[in-house]
N, C-alpha and C. Protein backbone atom coordinates (compact mmCIF):
# COMPACT_ATOMS: atom_id res chain seq x y z
N MET A 1 0.70 -1.24 0.05
CA MET A 1 0.26 -0.26 -0.20
C MET A 1 1.00 1.14 0.18
N SER A 2 0.47 2.17 -0.47
CA SER A 2 0.97 3.91 -0.70
C SER A 2 0.31 4.58 -0.48
N TYR A 3 0.32 5.71 -0.17
CA TYR A 3 -0.18 6.81 -0.65
C TYR A 3 0.38 8.10 -1.37
N GLU A 4 1.08 7.10 -2.64
CA GLU A 4 2.28 8.36 -2.89
C GLU A 4 1.09 8.93 -4.50
N ALA A 5 -0.09 8.67 -4.52
CA ALA A 5 -0.85 9.59 -5.61
C ALA A 5 -1.62 10.07 -4.42
N GLY A 6 -2.10 10.62 -3.44
CA GLY A 6 -2.79 11.30 -3.14
C GLY A 6 -2.77 12.76 -3.31
N ALA A 7 -1.43 13.33 -3.14
CA ALA A 7 -1.36 14.77 -3.46
C ALA A 7 -1.56 15.08 -4.96
N ALA A 8 -1.39 13.81 -5.69
CA ALA A 8 -1.59 14.15 -7.27
C ALA A 8 -3.24 14.10 -7.56
N LEU A 9 -4.24 13.24 -7.11
CA LEU A 9 -4.99 12.78 -6.67
C LEU A 9 -5.70 14.82 -6.57
N GLN A 10 -5.42 15.09 -5.25
CA GLN A 10 -6.40 16.00 -5.14
C GLN A 10 -5.61 17.04 -5.35
N ILE A 11 -4.84 17.66 -6.18
CA ILE A 11 -4.26 18.56 -7.14
C ILE A 11 -5.24 18.39 -8.23
N ALA A 12 -5.51 16.99 -8.90
CA ALA A 12 -5.92 16.74 -10.40
C ALA A 12 -7.58 17.69 -9.93
N VAL A 13 -8.07 17.12 -8.84
CA VAL A 13 -9.56 17.17 -8.35
C VAL A 13 -9.39 18.68 -8.45
N TYR A 14 -9.32 19.40 -7.49
CA TYR A 14 -8.69 20.72 -7.13
C TYR A 14 -8.74 21.46 -9.18
N GLN A 15 -7.81 20.93 -9.99
CA GLN A 15 -7.76 21.65 -11.56
C GLN A 15 -9.18 21.00 -12.14
N ALA A 16 -9.71 20.14 -11.62
CA ALA A 16 -10.70 19.63 -12.51
C ALA A 16 -12.08 21.00 -11.63
N LEU A 17 -12.08 21.18 -10.74
CA LEU A 17 -13.36 21.95 -10.60
C LEU A 17 -13.10 23.47 -10.97
N ARG A 18 -11.83 23.99 -10.64
CA ARG A 18 -11.73 25.47 -10.61
C ARG A 18 -11.58 25.37 -12.35
N THR A 19 -11.12 24.43 -13.38
CA THR A 19 -11.82 24.75 -14.86
C THR A 19 -12.74 24.64 -14.92
N ASP A 20 -13.66 24.01 -14.40
CA ASP A 20 -14.86 23.49 -15.08
C ASP A 20 -16.33 24.66 -15.25
N PRO A 21 -16.55 24.82 -16.96
CA PRO A 21 -17.42 26.05 -17.05
C PRO A 21 -18.59 26.13 -16.52
N ALA A 22 -19.05 24.90 -16.27
CA ALA A 22 -20.54 24.84 -15.38
C ALA A 22 -20.58 24.84 -14.03
N LEU A 23 -19.42 24.52 -13.29
CA LEU A 23 -19.61 25.13 -12.04
C LEU A 23 -19.41 26.41 -11.89
N ALA A 24 -18.16 27.15 -12.40
CA ALA A 24 -17.58 28.64 -12.82
C ALA A 24 -18.75 29.62 -13.37
N ALA A 25 -20.00 28.64 -13.42
CA ALA A 25 -20.89 29.51 -14.25
C ALA A 25 -21.98 29.71 -12.83
N LEU A 26 -21.76 28.61 -11.98
CA LEU A 26 -23.02 28.82 -10.81
C LEU A 26 -22.31 29.39 -9.49
N ILE A 27 -20.37 29.38 -9.23
CA ILE A 27 -20.21 30.20 -7.74
C ILE A 27 -19.03 30.52 -8.45
N GLY A 28 -18.55 30.88 -9.20
CA GLY A 28 -17.37 31.75 -10.07
C GLY A 28 -15.72 30.35 -9.81
N ASP A 29 -15.47 31.62 -9.19
CA ASP A 29 -13.93 30.85 -8.65
C ASP A 29 -13.54 30.17 -7.17
N ALA A 30 -15.07 29.77 -6.46
CA ALA A 30 -14.83 29.75 -5.27
C ALA A 30 -14.82 28.62 -4.95
N VAL A 31 -13.93 27.78 -5.10
CA VAL A 31 -13.22 26.67 -5.18
C VAL A 31 -12.20 26.48 -4.27
N PHE A 32 -11.81 25.55 -3.12
CA PHE A 32 -11.23 25.86 -1.88
C PHE A 32 -10.43 24.55 -1.67
N ASP A 33 -9.26 24.13 -1.45
CA ASP A 33 -8.42 23.19 -1.30
C ASP A 33 -8.62 23.07 0.45
N ALA A 34 -8.85 24.37 0.78
CA ALA A 34 -8.41 24.51 2.79
C ALA A 34 -9.70 25.56 2.50
N MET A 35 -9.89 25.11 4.12
CA MET A 35 -11.61 26.03 4.29
C MET A 35 -10.79 27.33 4.46
N PRO A 36 -11.58 28.13 3.71
CA PRO A 36 -11.19 29.68 4.48
C PRO A 36 -11.57 29.57 6.44
N VAL A 37 -10.68 30.84 6.62
CA VAL A 37 -10.94 31.61 8.35
C VAL A 37 -12.17 31.43 8.47
N THR A 38 -12.96 32.71 7.58
CA THR A 38 -14.30 33.34 7.45
C THR A 38 -14.83 32.32 6.15
N ALA A 39 -16.18 32.26 6.50
CA ALA A 39 -16.83 31.64 5.41
C ALA A 39 -16.96 32.49 4.21
N PRO A 40 -16.70 32.60 3.21
CA PRO A 40 -17.39 32.92 2.01
C PRO A 40 -18.81 33.29 1.58
N SER A 41 -19.04 34.42 0.52
CA SER A 41 -20.08 34.65 0.57
C SER A 41 -20.47 34.15 -0.64
N GLY A 42 -21.48 33.89 -0.79
CA GLY A 42 -22.29 32.90 -1.65
C GLY A 42 -22.22 31.06 -1.52
N THR A 43 -22.33 30.46 -2.64
CA THR A 43 -22.09 29.17 -2.67
C THR A 43 -20.42 28.70 -3.25
N TYR A 44 -20.09 28.02 -1.94
CA TYR A 44 -18.75 27.89 -2.64
C TYR A 44 -18.78 26.17 -2.24
N VAL A 45 -17.36 25.59 -3.02
CA VAL A 45 -16.81 24.52 -3.02
C VAL A 45 -15.46 24.04 -1.30
N ALA A 46 -15.52 22.96 -1.06
CA ALA A 46 -14.30 23.08 -0.29
C ALA A 46 -13.88 21.69 -0.87
N LEU A 47 -12.63 20.92 -0.16
CA LEU A 47 -12.21 19.50 -0.84
C LEU A 47 -12.13 19.24 0.68
N GLY A 48 -11.91 17.93 1.14
CA GLY A 48 -12.77 17.73 2.36
C GLY A 48 -11.62 16.15 2.62
N ALA A 49 -12.42 15.59 3.63
CA ALA A 49 -11.37 14.41 4.44
C ALA A 49 -11.16 13.15 3.05
N GLU A 50 -10.46 12.64 3.06
CA GLU A 50 -9.82 11.28 2.84
C GLU A 50 -9.28 9.64 2.79
N ASP A 51 -10.14 8.83 2.51
CA ASP A 51 -9.81 8.15 2.94
C ASP A 51 -9.28 6.77 1.82
N VAL A 52 -8.37 6.37 2.55
CA VAL A 52 -6.95 6.21 1.01
C VAL A 52 -7.11 4.12 1.69
N ALA A 53 -7.05 3.47 0.95
CA ALA A 53 -6.63 1.46 1.57
C ALA A 53 -6.25 1.48 -0.24
N ASP A 54 -5.64 0.15 0.37
CA ASP A 54 -4.51 -0.84 -0.17
C ASP A 54 -5.56 -0.75 -2.05
N ALA A 55 -5.17 -1.14 -2.97
CA ALA A 55 -6.19 -1.55 -3.62
C ALA A 55 -5.07 -2.30 -5.50
N GLY A 56 -4.13 -2.46 -4.94
CA GLY A 56 -2.83 -3.99 -5.63
C GLY A 56 -3.41 -5.19 -5.86
N ASP A 57 -3.08 -5.98 -6.98
CA ASP A 57 -3.31 -7.43 -7.26
C ASP A 57 -1.93 -7.54 -7.58
N MET A 58 -2.27 -8.81 -8.28
CA MET A 58 -0.99 -9.46 -8.44
C MET A 58 0.02 -9.18 -9.92
N THR A 59 -0.87 -7.95 -10.71
CA THR A 59 -0.40 -7.27 -11.70
C THR A 59 0.46 -6.10 -11.62
N GLY A 60 -0.02 -5.40 -10.25
CA GLY A 60 0.09 -4.17 -9.96
C GLY A 60 -0.41 -3.26 -8.64
N ARG A 61 0.30 -2.50 -8.50
CA ARG A 61 0.26 -1.59 -7.57
C ARG A 61 -0.67 -0.81 -7.22
N GLY A 62 -1.76 -0.55 -6.79
CA GLY A 62 -2.46 0.20 -6.72
C GLY A 62 -3.56 1.03 -5.14
N THR A 63 -4.62 2.31 -5.48
CA THR A 63 -4.78 2.46 -4.47
C THR A 63 -6.54 2.75 -4.44
N ARG A 64 -7.43 2.39 -3.58
CA ARG A 64 -8.79 3.26 -3.47
C ARG A 64 -9.10 4.59 -2.61
N HIS A 65 -9.17 5.34 -3.23
CA HIS A 65 -9.77 7.23 -2.51
C HIS A 65 -10.72 6.96 -2.05
N ASP A 66 -11.29 6.88 -0.89
CA ASP A 66 -12.49 7.63 -1.04
C ASP A 66 -12.49 9.31 -0.34
N PHE A 67 -12.74 10.17 -0.92
CA PHE A 67 -12.57 11.97 -0.84
C PHE A 67 -13.79 11.98 -0.80
N VAL A 68 -14.21 13.52 0.10
CA VAL A 68 -15.13 14.76 -0.25
C VAL A 68 -15.18 15.23 -0.68
N VAL A 69 -16.22 16.06 -1.12
CA VAL A 69 -16.11 17.11 -1.55
C VAL A 69 -17.43 18.03 -0.95
N SER A 70 -17.14 19.43 -0.57
CA SER A 70 -18.17 20.10 0.06
C SER A 70 -19.08 21.53 -1.23
N VAL A 71 -19.94 21.09 -0.85
CA VAL A 71 -20.52 22.92 -1.49
C VAL A 71 -20.93 23.02 -0.45
N LEU A 72 -21.03 24.90 0.11
CA LEU A 72 -21.89 25.15 1.08
C LEU A 72 -22.35 26.49 0.85
N SER A 73 -23.43 26.73 1.68
CA SER A 73 -23.85 28.15 0.93
C SER A 73 -23.12 29.34 2.60
N GLY A 74 -22.72 30.42 1.30
CA GLY A 74 -21.91 31.22 2.15
C GLY A 74 -22.60 31.90 3.44
N ALA A 75 -21.81 33.12 4.16
CA ALA A 75 -22.13 33.31 5.24
C ALA A 75 -23.69 34.42 5.17
N ASP A 76 -23.88 34.98 3.64
CA ASP A 76 -24.69 35.78 2.94
C ASP A 76 -26.36 34.49 2.94
N GLU A 77 -26.33 33.59 2.99
CA GLU A 77 -27.24 32.63 2.21
C GLU A 77 -27.83 32.86 3.45
N GLY A 78 -28.19 32.97 4.02
CA GLY A 78 -28.92 32.35 5.37
C GLY A 78 -30.53 32.36 5.00
N GLY A 79 -31.23 31.12 5.02
CA GLY A 79 -33.11 30.95 4.58
C GLY A 79 -32.98 30.92 2.89
N GLY A 80 -31.82 30.92 2.53
CA GLY A 80 -31.87 30.68 0.73
C GLY A 80 -32.01 29.17 0.06
N GLY A 81 -32.53 28.51 1.19
CA GLY A 81 -32.63 26.98 0.53
C GLY A 81 -31.54 26.48 -0.32
N PHE A 82 -31.83 24.86 -0.62
CA PHE A 82 -31.07 24.28 -0.92
C PHE A 82 -31.06 23.92 -2.23
N ALA A 83 -31.71 25.26 -3.36
CA ALA A 83 -31.38 25.14 -5.02
C ALA A 83 -30.05 25.13 -5.13
N ASP A 84 -29.42 26.63 -4.32
CA ASP A 84 -28.46 26.97 -5.37
C ASP A 84 -27.01 25.48 -4.81
N VAL A 85 -27.00 25.10 -3.48
CA VAL A 85 -26.09 24.31 -3.15
C VAL A 85 -26.16 22.65 -3.67
N LYS A 86 -27.47 22.07 -4.49
CA LYS A 86 -27.89 21.03 -4.74
C LYS A 86 -27.45 21.44 -6.28
N ALA A 87 -27.54 22.43 -7.00
CA ALA A 87 -27.24 22.45 -8.30
C ALA A 87 -25.76 22.70 -8.18
N ALA A 88 -24.86 23.47 -8.13
CA ALA A 88 -23.68 23.20 -7.77
C ALA A 88 -23.10 22.18 -7.56
N ALA A 89 -23.53 21.01 -5.90
CA ALA A 89 -23.55 19.96 -6.03
C ALA A 89 -23.32 19.00 -7.14
N GLY A 90 -24.31 19.39 -8.06
CA GLY A 90 -24.74 18.73 -9.72
C GLY A 90 -23.48 18.60 -10.17
N ALA A 91 -23.28 19.86 -10.72
CA ALA A 91 -22.33 20.57 -11.67
C ALA A 91 -20.59 19.90 -10.57
N VAL A 92 -20.31 19.58 -9.68
CA VAL A 92 -19.80 19.05 -9.10
C VAL A 92 -19.29 17.73 -9.24
N ALA A 93 -20.57 16.93 -9.39
CA ALA A 93 -20.66 15.74 -10.00
C ALA A 93 -20.38 14.83 -11.59
N ARG A 94 -20.90 16.04 -12.10
CA ARG A 94 -20.45 16.24 -13.65
C ARG A 94 -19.10 16.40 -13.76
N ALA A 95 -18.44 17.12 -13.37
CA ALA A 95 -17.04 17.74 -13.90
C ALA A 95 -16.06 16.65 -13.22
N LEU A 96 -16.33 15.78 -12.13
CA LEU A 96 -15.89 14.74 -11.91
C LEU A 96 -15.85 13.60 -12.62
N GLU A 97 -17.15 13.43 -12.85
CA GLU A 97 -17.17 12.08 -13.39
C GLU A 97 -17.59 12.28 -14.55
N ASP A 98 -16.90 13.19 -15.29
CA ASP A 98 -16.65 13.39 -17.25
C ASP A 98 -15.68 13.17 -17.54
N GLY A 99 -14.82 12.82 -16.19
CA GLY A 99 -13.16 12.36 -16.52
C GLY A 99 -11.85 13.37 -17.12
N ALA A 100 -12.49 14.39 -17.04
CA ALA A 100 -11.38 15.48 -16.92
C ALA A 100 -10.21 15.57 -15.87
N VAL A 101 -10.52 14.05 -14.52
CA VAL A 101 -9.09 14.30 -14.22
C VAL A 101 -8.16 13.51 -14.65
N ALA A 102 -6.68 14.85 -14.71
CA ALA A 102 -5.53 14.21 -15.20
C ALA A 102 -4.65 14.15 -13.80
N LEU A 103 -4.28 12.80 -13.38
CA LEU A 103 -2.82 12.69 -12.57
C LEU A 103 -2.01 12.94 -13.39
N GLU A 104 -1.01 13.94 -12.28
CA GLU A 104 0.52 13.70 -12.40
C GLU A 104 1.23 12.91 -12.04
N HIS A 105 0.53 12.00 -11.18
CA HIS A 105 1.75 10.42 -10.79
C HIS A 105 0.09 9.59 -10.29
N GLY A 106 0.85 8.26 -11.26
CA GLY A 106 -0.60 7.29 -10.99
C GLY A 106 -1.72 6.99 -12.45
N ARG A 107 -2.35 6.37 -12.36
CA ARG A 107 -3.08 6.46 -13.66
C ARG A 107 -4.14 6.14 -13.00
N LEU A 108 -4.82 7.24 -13.43
CA LEU A 108 -6.68 7.16 -12.90
C LEU A 108 -7.67 6.07 -13.69
N ALA A 109 -7.86 5.35 -12.68
CA ALA A 109 -8.65 3.94 -13.59
C ALA A 109 -10.09 4.07 -13.13
N GLY A 110 -10.38 4.69 -12.55
CA GLY A 110 -11.95 5.26 -12.40
C GLY A 110 -12.11 6.15 -11.47
N LEU A 111 -13.52 7.01 -11.53
CA LEU A 111 -13.75 7.97 -10.37
C LEU A 111 -15.30 7.81 -10.87
N TRP A 112 -15.86 7.39 -9.54
CA TRP A 112 -17.14 7.12 -9.59
C TRP A 112 -17.96 8.18 -7.97
N PHE A 113 -19.19 8.27 -8.41
CA PHE A 113 -19.94 9.04 -7.52
C PHE A 113 -20.34 8.17 -6.24
N VAL A 114 -20.21 8.35 -4.85
CA VAL A 114 -20.33 6.94 -4.25
C VAL A 114 -21.78 7.71 -3.32
N SER A 115 -21.69 8.39 -2.63
CA SER A 115 -22.85 8.83 -1.87
C SER A 115 -22.84 10.20 -1.50
N ALA A 116 -24.02 10.98 -0.71
CA ALA A 116 -24.24 12.56 -0.90
C ALA A 116 -24.72 12.58 0.39
N ARG A 117 -24.74 13.70 1.68
CA ARG A 117 -25.93 14.08 2.37
C ARG A 117 -25.70 15.45 2.65
N ALA A 118 -26.89 15.64 2.21
CA ALA A 118 -27.61 17.43 2.63
C ALA A 118 -28.15 17.66 4.00
N ARG A 119 -27.51 18.72 4.45
CA ARG A 119 -28.48 19.28 5.33
C ARG A 119 -28.25 20.67 5.65
N ARG A 120 -29.10 20.91 6.83
CA ARG A 120 -29.05 22.55 7.25
C ARG A 120 -27.84 22.21 8.30
N VAL A 121 -27.28 23.89 8.02
CA VAL A 121 -25.97 24.05 9.04
C VAL A 121 -26.10 25.18 9.80
N GLU A 122 -25.47 25.24 11.34
CA GLU A 122 -25.31 27.08 11.26
C GLU A 122 -27.12 27.47 11.93
N SER A 123 -27.29 26.44 12.93
CA SER A 123 -28.49 26.73 13.50
C SER A 123 -29.59 26.58 12.17
N GLY A 124 -29.60 26.26 10.91
CA GLY A 124 -30.71 25.72 10.19
C GLY A 124 -30.35 26.69 9.61
N ALA A 125 -29.60 28.12 9.16
CA ALA A 125 -29.14 29.26 8.28
C ALA A 125 -28.96 29.24 7.53
N GLY A 126 -27.30 27.60 7.29
CA GLY A 126 -26.52 27.63 5.94
C GLY A 126 -27.51 26.56 5.67
N ARG A 127 -26.88 26.08 4.67
CA ARG A 127 -27.00 24.48 3.56
C ARG A 127 -25.62 23.96 3.27
N ARG A 128 -25.77 22.80 3.43
CA ARG A 128 -24.36 22.10 2.78
C ARG A 128 -24.39 20.44 2.07
N VAL A 129 -24.46 20.52 1.17
CA VAL A 129 -24.05 18.86 0.40
C VAL A 129 -22.53 18.48 0.84
N ASP A 130 -22.15 17.19 1.24
CA ASP A 130 -21.05 16.54 1.45
C ASP A 130 -21.29 15.04 0.23
N MET A 131 -20.43 15.09 -0.81
CA MET A 131 -20.79 14.34 -1.48
C MET A 131 -18.67 13.39 -1.54
N THR A 132 -19.46 12.37 -1.16
CA THR A 132 -17.91 10.95 -1.43
C THR A 132 -18.27 10.37 -2.19
N PHE A 133 -16.75 10.69 -3.47
CA PHE A 133 -16.16 9.54 -4.70
C PHE A 133 -15.20 8.69 -4.02
N ARG A 134 -15.00 7.83 -5.08
CA ARG A 134 -14.39 7.12 -4.95
C ARG A 134 -12.90 6.89 -6.30
N ALA A 135 -12.26 6.96 -6.06
CA ALA A 135 -10.84 7.21 -7.16
C ALA A 135 -10.08 5.78 -6.89
N ARG A 136 -9.52 5.36 -8.57
CA ARG A 136 -9.08 3.60 -8.49
C ARG A 136 -7.68 4.31 -8.89
N ILE A 137 -6.49 4.29 -8.26
CA ILE A 137 -6.03 4.38 -9.12
C ILE A 137 -4.41 3.47 -9.00
N ASP A 138 -4.30 3.35 -10.25
CA ASP A 138 -2.85 2.22 -10.68
C ASP A 138 -1.32 3.32 -10.64
N LEU A 139 -1.02 2.54 -9.60
CA LEU A 139 0.52 3.04 -9.68
C LEU A 139 1.93 2.33 -10.28
N GLY A 140 1.56 1.37 -11.14
CA GLY A 140 2.55 0.33 -11.46
C GLY A 140 2.61 -0.94 -11.32
N LEU A 141 3.54 -1.44 -12.38
CA LEU A 141 3.35 -3.18 -12.20
C LEU A 141 4.15 -3.62 -10.90
N ASN A 142 4.06 -4.17 -10.36
CA ASN A 142 4.08 -5.13 -9.39
C ASN A 142 5.54 -6.04 -9.83
N VAL A 143 6.62 -6.05 -9.50
CA VAL A 143 8.03 -6.35 -10.12
C VAL A 143 8.56 -7.25 -9.10
N ALA A 144 8.58 -8.24 -9.75
CA ALA A 144 9.62 -9.76 -8.74
C ALA A 144 10.40 -9.61 -8.74
């Protein structure tokens, strides 16, 4: 098992989301690799937690990455409902599942949507959708 492709996947997901025209039309450039100190205004996207497991076999090394992408309503959107957040979540899913994710290290064998959870936050004023995706990355051949 290796975590060597973790950074490459994070960079590729971030770039895919930052450059997706449909997502940009909904949220502009509000994609964050780390949560801002104060919540931005408007709807925004933040990369979240990641769980990694070995996915190698007799033919090669590989990893399975389950990672979270969150779509949140900003500080100025209290009471705005889920519509904008869910629309942006749909754009995130399309951007990642359409295969625009290119890794600098390893080969992306597949990327799939796993689950989502939508909920109110901050005393019911804010909205949040946390989506979990799964990436399978091939890291190279096993050499005996």
